[in-house]
């Protein structure tokens, strides 16, 4: 019999609690998290026929050495948690209970969440600083004033004076060329906005949980 699988694509920007609630909601419906493909924001759930549906907990941690990572995974296995998604390079790790006697929470206190978001903040800040360095290389190639006058990115004469189908056809025709000519700039903008959002959100979450410790 073919298993009942559900594949969901969700984007969560630095919000472990939202990911946790999303997974827990499916668990309550009888679905077990089978795997996560973080690069594609893809979550695969499978209908669980057993009465025991393992709880999933999330951790974010980076490593500089392979043996540190192996010890990390082994430590959680000893505590009754099996790694189902994540690796040495990913940073984000998803663990499931090995059996129903395993304590349900890896992060059961505010201090743990504060440290978790502190690690996320450091990583997001690192990516943001790379974007700043990248900016100084792009500024030699691109005219950043175009960001305030995006119409200047399109070179078709009379495009913005056209109307109706003529405008739509001209816009759609040139759009791939705009992306091709300014690909690095568009990618930089996406990374800049995402990393800045992650820096702000992770710091706010860290401050929130740190404040609750007092």
Protein backbone atom coordinates (compact mmCIF):
# COMPACT_ATOMS: atom_id res chain seq x y z
CA UNK A 1 0.00 0.00 0.00
CA UNK A 2 1.35 3.41 -0.97
CA UNK A 3 2.00 5.64 2.00
CA UNK A 4 0.05 8.86 2.44
CA UNK A 5 2.64 11.62 1.96
CA UNK A 6 2.21 15.34 2.07
CA UNK A 7 4.83 17.73 0.73
CA UNK A 8 4.69 21.32 1.88
CA UNK A 9 6.84 24.31 0.93
CA UNK A 10 7.15 26.91 3.67
CA UNK A 11 9.52 29.81 4.21
CA UNK A 12 10.29 30.78 7.81
CA UNK A 13 12.73 33.64 8.38
CA UNK A 14 14.49 33.03 11.69
CA UNK A 15 11.44 31.82 13.59
CA UNK A 16 12.05 28.44 15.20
CA UNK A 17 8.74 28.62 17.07
CA UNK A 18 6.73 28.95 13.84
CA UNK A 19 8.53 25.98 12.28
CA UNK A 20 7.90 24.02 15.48
CA UNK A 21 4.18 24.85 15.46
CA UNK A 22 3.93 23.97 11.77
CA UNK A 23 5.45 20.52 12.38
CA UNK A 24 3.45 19.98 15.58
CA UNK A 25 0.20 20.75 13.75
CA UNK A 26 0.86 17.90 11.32
CA UNK A 27 1.86 15.62 14.18
CA UNK A 28 -1.51 16.23 15.80
CA UNK A 29 -3.13 15.20 12.50
CA UNK A 30 -1.23 11.90 12.60
CA UNK A 31 1.66 12.83 10.30
CA UNK A 32 5.33 12.24 11.01
CA UNK A 33 8.02 14.51 9.60
CA UNK A 34 10.00 12.30 7.21
CA UNK A 35 12.57 14.73 5.86
CA UNK A 36 13.36 18.40 5.36
CA UNK A 37 15.11 19.95 2.37
CA UNK A 38 16.02 23.35 3.77
CA UNK A 39 17.51 24.64 0.50
CA UNK A 40 14.09 24.25 -1.14
CA UNK A 41 12.00 25.04 1.98
CA UNK A 42 10.45 21.61 1.51
CA UNK A 43 8.89 19.53 4.30
CA UNK A 44 7.78 15.95 3.67
CA UNK A 45 5.27 14.35 6.05
CA UNK A 46 4.09 10.74 6.05
CA UNK A 47 0.94 9.35 7.66
CA UNK A 48 1.93 7.40 10.76
CA UNK A 49 0.02 4.18 11.45
CA UNK A 50 1.54 3.73 14.92
CA UNK A 51 0.04 5.16 18.08
CA UNK A 52 3.45 6.71 18.85
CA UNK A 53 4.23 9.67 16.59
CA UNK A 54 7.68 11.05 17.42
CA UNK A 55 7.94 14.70 18.36
CA UNK A 56 10.43 16.77 16.37
CA UNK A 57 12.70 19.43 17.84
CA UNK A 58 14.93 21.89 16.01
CA UNK A 59 18.41 23.13 16.78
CA UNK A 60 20.68 25.56 14.95
CA UNK A 61 24.40 25.04 15.29
CA UNK A 62 27.49 25.35 13.07
CA UNK A 63 30.76 23.47 13.36
CA UNK A 64 34.36 23.99 12.32
CA UNK A 65 35.43 20.35 12.73
CA UNK A 66 33.85 17.07 11.68
CA UNK A 67 34.49 15.39 15.01
CA UNK A 68 32.66 18.22 16.83
CA UNK A 69 29.64 17.56 14.62
CA UNK A 70 29.80 13.80 15.14
CA UNK A 71 29.99 14.28 18.92
CA UNK A 72 27.02 16.66 18.73
CA UNK A 73 24.85 14.10 16.89
CA UNK A 74 25.99 11.30 19.21
CA UNK A 75 25.14 13.39 22.28
CA UNK A 76 21.54 13.81 21.12
CA UNK A 77 21.26 10.14 20.20
CA UNK A 78 22.38 9.23 23.72
CA UNK A 79 19.62 11.51 25.02
CA UNK A 80 17.04 9.69 22.87
CA UNK A 81 16.93 11.96 19.81
CA UNK A 82 17.68 10.82 16.25
CA UNK A 83 18.84 13.23 13.53
CA UNK A 84 16.42 13.12 10.60
CA UNK A 85 17.55 16.20 8.69
CA UNK A 86 20.67 18.37 8.73
CA UNK A 87 24.37 17.81 8.22
CA UNK A 88 27.80 19.28 8.91
CA UNK A 89 27.17 22.17 6.50
CA UNK A 90 23.48 22.94 6.99
CA UNK A 91 23.39 24.64 10.40
CA UNK A 92 19.75 23.72 10.99
CA UNK A 93 19.13 20.26 12.46
CA UNK A 94 15.87 18.38 12.98
CA UNK A 95 15.74 15.65 15.61
CA UNK A 96 12.96 13.16 16.38
CA UNK A 97 12.27 11.12 19.50
CA UNK A 98 13.66 7.59 19.30
CA UNK A 99 10.91 6.24 21.55
CA UNK A 100 7.98 7.48 23.58
CA UNK A 101 10.00 7.44 26.82
CA UNK A 102 12.33 10.14 25.51
CA UNK A 103 11.88 13.52 27.16
CA UNK A 104 9.86 15.62 24.73
CA UNK A 105 11.87 18.82 24.86
CA UNK A 106 15.45 19.56 23.88
CA UNK A 107 14.88 23.25 24.49
CA UNK A 108 12.54 23.49 27.41
CA UNK A 109 13.67 26.79 28.90
CA UNK A 110 14.11 30.42 27.88
CA UNK A 111 17.89 30.29 28.32
CA UNK A 112 18.14 27.57 25.66
CA UNK A 113 16.11 29.63 23.19
CA UNK A 114 18.17 32.71 23.97
CA UNK A 115 21.38 30.84 23.10
CA UNK A 116 19.77 29.35 19.99
CA UNK A 117 18.78 32.75 18.62
CA UNK A 118 22.18 34.11 19.61
CA UNK A 119 23.80 31.55 17.29
CA UNK A 120 21.35 32.43 14.52
CA UNK A 121 22.13 36.13 14.98
CA UNK A 122 25.88 35.56 14.60
CA UNK A 123 25.39 33.60 11.38
CA UNK A 124 22.94 36.15 9.92
CA UNK A 125 25.32 38.99 10.84
CA UNK A 126 28.17 37.15 9.08
CA UNK A 127 26.10 36.88 5.87
CA UNK A 128 25.06 40.54 6.17
CA UNK A 129 28.70 41.67 6.47
CA UNK A 130 29.54 39.66 3.34
CA UNK A 131 26.74 41.58 1.57
CA UNK A 132 28.32 44.87 2.66
CA UNK A 133 31.72 43.80 1.30
CA UNK A 134 30.02 42.59 -1.89
CA UNK A 135 28.38 46.02 -2.23
CA UNK A 136 31.77 47.73 -2.49
CA UNK A 137 32.73 45.45 -5.37
CA UNK A 138 29.41 45.95 -7.19
CA UNK A 139 29.50 49.74 -6.81
CA UNK A 140 32.41 49.79 -9.26
CA UNK A 141 30.31 48.00 -11.89
CA UNK A 142 26.73 49.17 -11.37
CA UNK A 143 25.07 52.54 -11.03
CA UNK A 144 23.10 52.08 -7.82
CA UNK A 145 21.00 55.15 -8.56
CA UNK A 146 19.03 52.83 -10.85
CA UNK A 147 17.51 51.30 -7.72
CA UNK A 148 15.56 54.53 -7.21
CA UNK A 149 14.75 54.74 -10.95
CA UNK A 150 14.05 51.12 -11.94
CA UNK A 151 12.65 52.23 -15.29
CA UNK A 152 16.21 53.04 -16.36
CA UNK A 153 16.98 49.29 -16.24
CA UNK A 154 14.83 48.86 -19.37
CA UNK A 155 16.45 50.06 -22.60
CA UNK A 156 13.59 49.60 -25.08
CA UNK A 157 12.78 53.06 -26.56
CA UNK A 158 9.25 54.23 -25.78
CA UNK A 159 8.43 51.29 -23.51
CA UNK A 160 7.04 53.41 -20.68
CA UNK A 161 4.97 55.53 -23.04
CA UNK A 162 3.29 52.45 -24.52
CA UNK A 163 0.00 51.12 -23.22
CA UNK A 164 -2.03 47.91 -23.22
CA UNK A 165 -0.79 44.86 -25.09
CA UNK A 166 2.10 46.77 -26.66
CA UNK A 167 3.48 47.70 -23.23
CA UNK A 168 2.91 44.22 -21.78
CA UNK A 169 4.60 42.50 -24.74
CA UNK A 170 7.57 44.87 -24.64
CA UNK A 171 7.95 44.53 -20.85
CA UNK A 172 7.82 40.73 -20.90
CA UNK A 173 10.23 40.60 -23.85
CA UNK A 174 12.90 42.75 -22.21
CA UNK A 175 12.54 41.50 -18.61
CA UNK A 176 14.85 38.45 -19.13
CA UNK A 177 17.51 40.77 -20.59
CA UNK A 178 17.18 43.12 -17.59
CA UNK A 179 17.72 40.17 -15.26
CA UNK A 180 20.66 38.93 -17.34
CA UNK A 181 22.35 42.36 -17.47
CA UNK A 182 21.80 43.04 -13.77
CA UNK A 183 21.80 39.52 -12.32
CA UNK A 184 24.52 40.16 -9.73
CA UNK A 185 22.75 43.31 -8.54
CA UNK A 186 19.39 41.52 -8.19
CA UNK A 187 20.99 38.62 -6.29
CA UNK A 188 22.79 41.09 -4.01
CA UNK A 189 19.53 42.90 -3.26
CA UNK A 190 17.82 39.61 -2.36
CA UNK A 191 20.67 38.51 -0.05
CA UNK A 192 20.90 41.97 1.51
CA UNK A 193 17.19 42.18 2.34
CA UNK A 194 16.96 38.59 3.61
CA UNK A 195 20.13 38.78 5.73
CA UNK A 196 19.14 42.15 7.23
CA UNK A 197 15.69 40.76 8.09
CA UNK A 198 17.29 37.72 9.73
CA UNK A 199 19.75 39.88 11.72
CA UNK A 200 16.94 42.04 13.11
CA UNK A 201 14.53 39.17 13.87
CA UNK A 202 17.12 36.90 15.49
CA UNK A 203 18.45 39.73 17.69
CA UNK A 204 14.93 40.69 18.77
CA UNK A 205 14.18 37.05 19.65
CA UNK A 206 17.45 36.74 21.58
CA UNK A 207 16.68 39.94 23.52
CA UNK A 208 13.13 38.72 24.21
CA UNK A 209 14.23 35.43 25.77
CA UNK A 210 17.19 37.00 27.58
CA UNK A 211 14.89 39.59 29.16
CA UNK A 212 12.57 36.86 30.41
CA UNK A 213 15.46 35.25 32.30
CA UNK A 214 15.61 38.12 34.75
